[in-house]
Amino acid sequence: MYGTYLTLCLLLAAFAIEPELTTRILTAASLKLQIFYINYRMKYMAWRMHKALSKLAKEAGYPTPGKFQFTNLWDREHP
C-alpha cells in the first residue's frame, strides 16, 4: 500500500521538477512495453498457425513444414 503512495509521490515530484523529461521517459517506457506485447502476440499467433498447418499437411499427406522459426521485431532488417 505504501509503495503505491511512494510511487505516486515520486511521479508527481518528477513532473513538478522536469515535466518534459518525465513525459518523454514515460512515453518511451510505454512504447517499449507495447512493442514487447505486439512481438510476443505475433510469435504466439505464428506458432499456432504453424501448428495448425503442420497438422493439416500431415492429414493431407503432404510434407510438413520445417521447424518453427520466428524473428523478433527488433532483430529484423528494416529498410
Protein backbone atom coordinates (compact mmCIF):
# COMPACT_ATOMS: atom_id res chain seq x y z
CA MET A 1 0.00 0.00 0.00
CA TYR A 2 2.77 2.43 0.93
CA GLY A 3 4.68 1.51 -2.23
CA THR A 4 1.78 2.84 -4.30
CA TYR A 5 1.79 6.15 -2.41
CA LEU A 6 5.56 6.41 -2.70
CA THR A 7 5.45 5.77 -6.43
CA LEU A 8 2.70 8.33 -6.89
CA CYS A 9 4.59 10.93 -4.85
CA LEU A 10 7.81 10.32 -6.79
CA LEU A 11 5.94 10.58 -10.08
CA LEU A 12 4.31 13.85 -9.04
CA ALA A 13 7.65 15.23 -7.85
CA ALA A 14 9.28 14.24 -11.13
CA PHE A 15 6.52 16.01 -13.06
CA ALA A 16 6.91 19.09 -10.89
CA ILE A 17 10.69 19.23 -11.35
CA GLU A 18 11.10 18.12 -15.00
CA PRO A 19 7.73 17.70 -16.75
CA GLU A 20 9.11 17.35 -20.29
CA LEU A 21 11.77 14.79 -19.37
CA THR A 22 9.32 12.77 -17.27
CA THR A 23 6.81 12.72 -20.10
CA ARG A 24 9.48 11.52 -22.56
CA ILE A 25 10.63 8.75 -20.20
CA LEU A 26 7.10 7.53 -19.54
CA THR A 27 6.26 7.62 -23.25
CA ALA A 28 9.40 5.65 -24.13
CA ALA A 29 8.61 3.04 -21.47
CA SER A 30 5.04 2.74 -22.73
CA LEU A 31 6.16 2.30 -26.34
CA LYS A 32 8.69 -0.38 -25.38
CA LEU A 33 6.03 -2.31 -23.48
CA GLN A 34 3.73 -2.09 -26.49
CA ILE A 35 6.45 -3.41 -28.81
CA PHE A 36 7.13 -6.36 -26.47
CA TYR A 37 3.41 -7.15 -26.28
CA ILE A 38 2.97 -6.97 -30.06
CA ASN A 39 6.08 -9.11 -30.64
CA TYR A 40 5.06 -11.90 -28.27
CA ARG A 41 1.47 -11.86 -29.51
CA MET A 42 2.71 -12.21 -33.09
CA LYS A 43 5.03 -15.03 -32.02
CA TYR A 44 2.19 -16.88 -30.30
CA MET A 45 -0.18 -16.47 -33.26
CA ALA A 46 2.50 -17.57 -35.75
CA TRP A 47 3.23 -20.64 -33.61
CA ARG A 48 -0.49 -21.52 -33.54
CA MET A 49 -0.74 -21.15 -37.33
CA HIS A 50 2.38 -23.28 -37.82
CA LYS A 51 0.95 -25.96 -35.56
CA ALA A 52 -2.38 -25.98 -37.45
CA LEU A 53 -0.63 -26.00 -40.84
CA SER A 54 1.58 -28.90 -39.77
CA LYS A 55 -1.46 -30.87 -38.65
CA LEU A 56 -3.36 -30.19 -41.89
CA ALA A 57 -0.35 -31.07 -44.05
CA LYS A 58 0.18 -34.33 -42.17
CA GLU A 59 -3.51 -35.29 -42.53
CA ALA A 60 -3.47 -34.50 -46.26
CA GLY A 61 -0.29 -36.49 -46.85
CA TYR A 62 1.88 -33.52 -47.75
CA PRO A 63 5.31 -32.97 -46.25
CA THR A 64 5.13 -30.99 -43.04
CA PRO A 65 6.76 -27.55 -42.87
CA GLY A 66 10.12 -27.16 -41.20
CA LYS A 67 10.82 -26.32 -37.59
CA PHE A 68 9.01 -23.24 -36.27
CA GLN A 69 11.16 -20.15 -36.52
CA PHE A 70 10.27 -16.58 -35.58
CA THR A 71 12.38 -13.46 -35.85
CA ASN A 72 11.71 -10.86 -33.18
CA LEU A 73 10.68 -7.40 -34.35
CA TRP A 74 13.87 -5.80 -33.04
CA ASP A 75 16.06 -8.36 -34.85
CA ARG A 76 14.55 -7.81 -38.31
CA GLU A 77 16.23 -5.85 -41.07
CA HIS A 78 14.47 -2.55 -41.74
CA PRO A 79 14.87 -0.60 -44.98
